[in-house]
C-alpha cells in the first residue's frame, strides 16, 4: 500500500484524492477494501504530513 501511495503523491495526488479512492474502493469491494483503509491512512500520513 505504501509503495502505491508514495508513487501517487509523487505524481501529484492530494490527501483528499487518495481518501476518495479509498472510499470508492470500499463502495465497490465492501469489507475487504474497508479492512485496508487503516493501511491507506497510515501510508498517507507517513508520506504527506499535515
PDB file of N, CA and C in Angstrom:
ATOM      1  N   UNK A   1       0.825  -1.181   0.000  1.00  0.00           N
ATOM      2  CA  UNK A   1       0.000   0.000   0.000  1.00  0.00           C
ATOM      3  C   UNK A   1       0.876   1.254   0.000  1.00  0.00           C
ATOM      4  N   UNK A   2       1.893   1.269   0.853  1.00  0.00           N
ATOM      5  CA  UNK A   2       2.717   2.468   0.958  1.00  0.00           C
ATOM      6  C   UNK A   2       3.452   2.779  -0.347  1.00  0.00           C
ATOM      7  N   UNK A   3       3.842   1.755  -1.067  1.00  0.00           N
ATOM      8  CA  UNK A   3       4.512   1.955  -2.360  1.00  0.00           C
ATOM      9  C   UNK A   3       3.602   2.720  -3.314  1.00  0.00           C
ATOM     10  N   UNK A   4       2.362   2.283  -3.419  1.00  0.00           N
ATOM     11  CA  UNK A   4       1.422   2.912  -4.346  1.00  0.00           C
ATOM     12  C   UNK A   4       1.035   4.313  -3.893  1.00  0.00           C
ATOM     13  N   UNK A   5       0.855   4.503  -2.599  1.00  0.00           N
ATOM     14  CA  UNK A   5       0.526   5.832  -2.080  1.00  0.00           C
ATOM     15  C   UNK A   5       1.688   6.791  -2.330  1.00  0.00           C
ATOM     16  N   UNK A   6       2.895   6.339  -2.059  1.00  0.00           N
ATOM     17  CA  UNK A   6       4.067   7.184  -2.278  1.00  0.00           C
ATOM     18  C   UNK A   6       4.178   7.599  -3.739  1.00  0.00           C
ATOM     19  N   UNK A   7       3.991   6.662  -4.650  1.00  0.00           N
ATOM     20  CA  UNK A   7       4.070   6.999  -6.074  1.00  0.00           C
ATOM     21  C   UNK A   7       2.936   7.927  -6.504  1.00  0.00           C
ATOM     22  N   UNK A   8       1.756   7.747  -5.943  1.00  0.00           N
ATOM     23  CA  UNK A   8       0.639   8.636  -6.263  1.00  0.00           C
ATOM     24  C   UNK A   8       0.934  10.056  -5.787  1.00  0.00           C
ATOM     25  N   UNK A   9       1.517  10.184  -4.608  1.00  0.00           N
ATOM     26  CA  UNK A   9       1.869  11.504  -4.079  1.00  0.00           C
ATOM     27  C   UNK A   9       2.946  12.148  -4.947  1.00  0.00           C
ATOM     28  N   UNK A  10       3.934  11.364  -5.366  1.00  0.00           N
ATOM     29  CA  UNK A  10       4.971  11.890  -6.255  1.00  0.00           C
ATOM     30  C   UNK A  10       4.385  12.361  -7.577  1.00  0.00           C
ATOM     31  N   UNK A  11       3.286  11.725  -8.003  1.00  0.00           N
ATOM     32  CA  UNK A  11       2.625  12.110  -9.252  1.00  0.00           C
ATOM     33  C   UNK A  11       1.676  13.291  -9.066  1.00  0.00           C
ATOM     34  N   UNK A  12       1.512  13.744  -7.809  1.00  0.00           N
ATOM     35  CA  UNK A  12       0.717  14.933  -7.569  1.00  0.00           C
ATOM     36  C   UNK A  12      -0.621  14.713  -6.884  1.00  0.00           C
ATOM     37  N   UNK A  13      -0.887  13.518  -6.411  1.00  0.00           N
ATOM     38  CA  UNK A  13      -2.161  13.242  -5.743  1.00  0.00           C
ATOM     39  C   UNK A  13      -2.211  13.958  -4.393  1.00  0.00           C
ATOM     40  N   UNK A  14      -3.385  14.453  -4.050  1.00  0.00           N
ATOM     41  CA  UNK A  14      -3.583  15.118  -2.765  1.00  0.00           C
ATOM     42  C   UNK A  14      -4.168  14.130  -1.759  1.00  0.00           C
ATOM     43  N   UNK A  15      -4.157  14.540  -0.488  1.00  0.00           N
ATOM     44  CA  UNK A  15      -4.753  13.719   0.570  1.00  0.00           C
ATOM     45  C   UNK A  15      -6.229  13.445   0.268  1.00  0.00           C
ATOM     46  N   UNK A  16      -6.936  14.470  -0.183  1.00  0.00           N
ATOM     47  CA  UNK A  16      -8.361  14.337  -0.487  1.00  0.00           C
ATOM     48  C   UNK A  16      -8.586  13.326  -1.613  1.00  0.00           C
ATOM     49  N   UNK A  17      -7.782  13.372  -2.644  1.00  0.00           N
ATOM     50  CA  UNK A  17      -7.915  12.437  -3.759  1.00  0.00           C
ATOM     51  C   UNK A  17      -7.624  11.002  -3.332  1.00  0.00           C
ATOM     52  N   UNK A  18      -6.606  10.821  -2.516  1.00  0.00           N
ATOM     53  CA  UNK A  18      -6.266   9.476  -2.051  1.00  0.00           C
ATOM     54  C   UNK A  18      -7.372   8.896  -1.180  1.00  0.00           C
ATOM     55  N   UNK A  19      -7.944   9.713  -0.306  1.00  0.00           N
ATOM     56  CA  UNK A  19      -9.040   9.229   0.535  1.00  0.00           C
ATOM     57  C   UNK A  19     -10.276   8.918  -0.308  1.00  0.00           C
ATOM     58  N   UNK A  20     -10.516   9.715  -1.330  1.00  0.00           N
ATOM     59  CA  UNK A  20     -11.651   9.452  -2.217  1.00  0.00           C
ATOM     60  C   UNK A  20     -11.498   8.098  -2.901  1.00  0.00           C
ATOM     61  N   UNK A  21     -10.294   7.777  -3.316  1.00  0.00           N
ATOM     62  CA  UNK A  21     -10.037   6.466  -3.914  1.00  0.00           C
ATOM     63  C   UNK A  21     -10.359   5.358  -2.919  1.00  0.00           C
ATOM     64  N   UNK A  22      -9.957   5.557  -1.666  1.00  0.00           N
ATOM     65  CA  UNK A  22     -10.256   4.565  -0.635  1.00  0.00           C
ATOM     66  C   UNK A  22     -11.746   4.391  -0.430  1.00  0.00           C
ATOM     67  N   UNK A  23     -12.497   5.496  -0.415  1.00  0.00           N
ATOM     68  CA  UNK A  23     -13.947   5.421  -0.226  1.00  0.00           C
ATOM     69  C   UNK A  23     -14.624   4.721  -1.405  1.00  0.00           C
ATOM     70  N   UNK A  24     -14.208   5.063  -2.601  1.00  0.00           N
ATOM     71  CA  UNK A  24     -14.812   4.441  -3.789  1.00  0.00           C
ATOM     72  C   UNK A  24     -14.496   2.950  -3.827  1.00  0.00           C
ATOM     73  N   UNK A  25     -13.268   2.596  -3.492  1.00  0.00           N
ATOM     74  CA  UNK A  25     -12.885   1.183  -3.460  1.00  0.00           C
ATOM     75  C   UNK A  25     -13.717   0.425  -2.429  1.00  0.00           C
ATOM     76  N   UNK A  26     -13.971   1.056  -1.281  1.00  0.00           N
ATOM     77  CA  UNK A  26     -14.793   0.425  -0.256  1.00  0.00           C
ATOM     78  C   UNK A  26     -16.222   0.237  -0.746  1.00  0.00           C
ATOM     79  N   UNK A  27     -16.752   1.223  -1.453  1.00  0.00           N
ATOM     80  CA  UNK A  27     -18.101   1.082  -2.012  1.00  0.00           C
ATOM     81  C   UNK A  27     -18.168  -0.058  -3.020  1.00  0.00           C
ATOM     82  N   UNK A  28     -17.098  -0.221  -3.798  1.00  0.00           N
ATOM     83  CA  UNK A  28     -17.099  -1.243  -4.838  1.00  0.00           C
ATOM     84  C   UNK A  28     -16.856  -2.644  -4.280  1.00  0.00           C
ATOM     85  N   UNK A  29     -15.937  -2.765  -3.301  1.00  0.00           N
ATOM     86  CA  UNK A  29     -15.492  -4.086  -2.863  1.00  0.00           C
ATOM     87  C   UNK A  29     -15.875  -4.441  -1.431  1.00  0.00           C
ATOM     88  N   UNK A  30     -16.509  -3.519  -0.732  1.00  0.00           N
ATOM     89  CA  UNK A  30     -17.046  -3.822   0.586  1.00  0.00           C
ATOM     90  C   UNK A  30     -16.003  -4.012   1.665  1.00  0.00           C
ATOM     91  N   UNK A  31     -16.279  -4.987   2.540  1.00  0.00           N
ATOM     92  CA  UNK A  31     -15.485  -5.154   3.757  1.00  0.00           C
ATOM     93  C   UNK A  31     -14.019  -5.503   3.481  1.00  0.00           C
ATOM     94  N   UNK A  32     -13.741  -6.157   2.371  1.00  0.00           N
ATOM     95  CA  UNK A  32     -12.345  -6.468   2.054  1.00  0.00           C
ATOM     96  C   UNK A  32     -11.537  -5.190   1.876  1.00  0.00           C
ATOM     97  N   UNK A  33     -12.111  -4.223   1.176  1.00  0.00           N
ATOM     98  CA  UNK A  33     -11.418  -2.956   0.976  1.00  0.00           C
ATOM     99  C   UNK A  33     -11.430  -2.118   2.245  1.00  0.00           C
ATOM    100  N   UNK A  34     -12.512  -2.192   3.000  1.00  0.00           N
ATOM    101  CA  UNK A  34     -12.608  -1.424   4.238  1.00  0.00           C
ATOM    102  C   UNK A  34     -11.498  -1.807   5.206  1.00  0.00           C
ATOM    103  N   UNK A  35     -11.120  -3.073   5.213  1.00  0.00           N
ATOM    104  CA  UNK A  35     -10.052  -3.533   6.100  1.00  0.00           C
ATOM    105  C   UNK A  35      -8.710  -2.894   5.741  1.00  0.00           C
ATOM    106  N   UNK A  36      -8.544  -2.442   4.518  1.00  0.00           N
ATOM    107  CA  UNK A  36      -7.283  -1.834   4.077  1.00  0.00           C
ATOM    108  C   UNK A  36      -7.250  -0.322   4.281  1.00  0.00           C
ATOM    109  N   UNK A  37      -8.366   0.268   4.709  1.00  0.00           N
ATOM    110  CA  UNK A  37      -8.394   1.727   4.897  1.00  0.00           C
ATOM    111  C   UNK A  37      -7.390   2.194   5.947  1.00  0.00           C
ATOM    112  N   UNK A  38      -7.175   1.415   7.004  1.00  0.00           N
ATOM    113  CA  UNK A  38      -6.171   1.794   8.005  1.00  0.00           C
ATOM    114  C   UNK A  38      -4.783   1.868   7.384  1.00  0.00           C
ATOM    115  N   UNK A  39      -4.470   0.913   6.526  1.00  0.00           N
ATOM    116  CA  UNK A  39      -3.178   0.925   5.841  1.00  0.00           C
ATOM    117  C   UNK A  39      -3.064   2.143   4.935  1.00  0.00           C
ATOM    118  N   UNK A  40      -4.161   2.476   4.270  1.00  0.00           N
ATOM    119  CA  UNK A  40      -4.169   3.647   3.393  1.00  0.00           C
ATOM    120  C   UNK A  40      -3.927   4.922   4.193  1.00  0.00           C
ATOM    121  N   UNK A  41      -4.640   5.091   5.280  1.00  0.00           N
ATOM    122  CA  UNK A  41      -4.496   6.295   6.106  1.00  0.00           C
ATOM    123  C   UNK A  41      -3.089   6.371   6.699  1.00  0.00           C
ATOM    124  N   UNK A  42      -2.557   5.260   7.164  1.00  0.00           N
ATOM    125  CA  UNK A  42      -1.195   5.246   7.710  1.00  0.00           C
ATOM    126  C   UNK A  42      -0.170   5.647   6.647  1.00  0.00           C
ATOM    127  N   UNK A  43      -0.329   5.138   5.432  1.00  0.00           N
ATOM    128  CA  UNK A  43       0.599   5.471   4.353  1.00  0.00           C
ATOM    129  C   UNK A  43       0.473   6.941   3.970  1.00  0.00           C
ATOM    130  N   UNK A  44      -0.741   7.448   3.908  1.00  0.00           N
ATOM    131  CA  UNK A  44      -0.927   8.867   3.585  1.00  0.00           C
ATOM    132  C   UNK A  44      -0.263   9.730   4.650  1.00  0.00           C
ATOM    133  N   UNK A  45      -0.471   9.402   5.914  1.00  0.00           N
ATOM    134  CA  UNK A  45       0.127  10.191   6.993  1.00  0.00           C
ATOM    135  C   UNK A  45       1.648  10.096   6.993  1.00  0.00           C
ATOM    136  N   UNK A  46       2.183   8.973   6.559  1.00  0.00           N
ATOM    137  CA  UNK A  46       3.640   8.814   6.520  1.00  0.00           C
ATOM    138  C   UNK A  46       4.274   9.667   5.427  1.00  0.00           C
ATOM    139  N   UNK A  47       3.602   9.771   4.283  1.00  0.00           N
ATOM    140  CA  UNK A  47       4.202  10.463   3.140  1.00  0.00           C
ATOM    141  C   UNK A  47       3.677  11.874   2.941  1.00  0.00           C
ATOM    142  N   UNK A  48       2.564  12.210   3.567  1.00  0.00           N
ATOM    143  CA  UNK A  48       2.005  13.558   3.470  1.00  0.00           C
ATOM    144  C   UNK A  48       1.713  14.081   4.872  1.00  0.00           C
ATOM    145  N   UNK A  49       2.723  14.504   5.587  1.00  0.00           N
ATOM    146  CA  UNK A  49       2.453  15.007   6.937  1.00  0.00           C
ATOM    147  C   UNK A  49       1.567  16.244   6.869  1.00  0.00           C
ATOM    148  N   UNK A  50       0.829  16.472   7.907  1.00  0.00           N
ATOM    149  CA  UNK A  50      -0.124  17.588   7.977  1.00  0.00           C
ATOM    150  C   UNK A  50       0.518  18.872   7.607  1.00  0.00           C
TER     151      UNK A  50
END
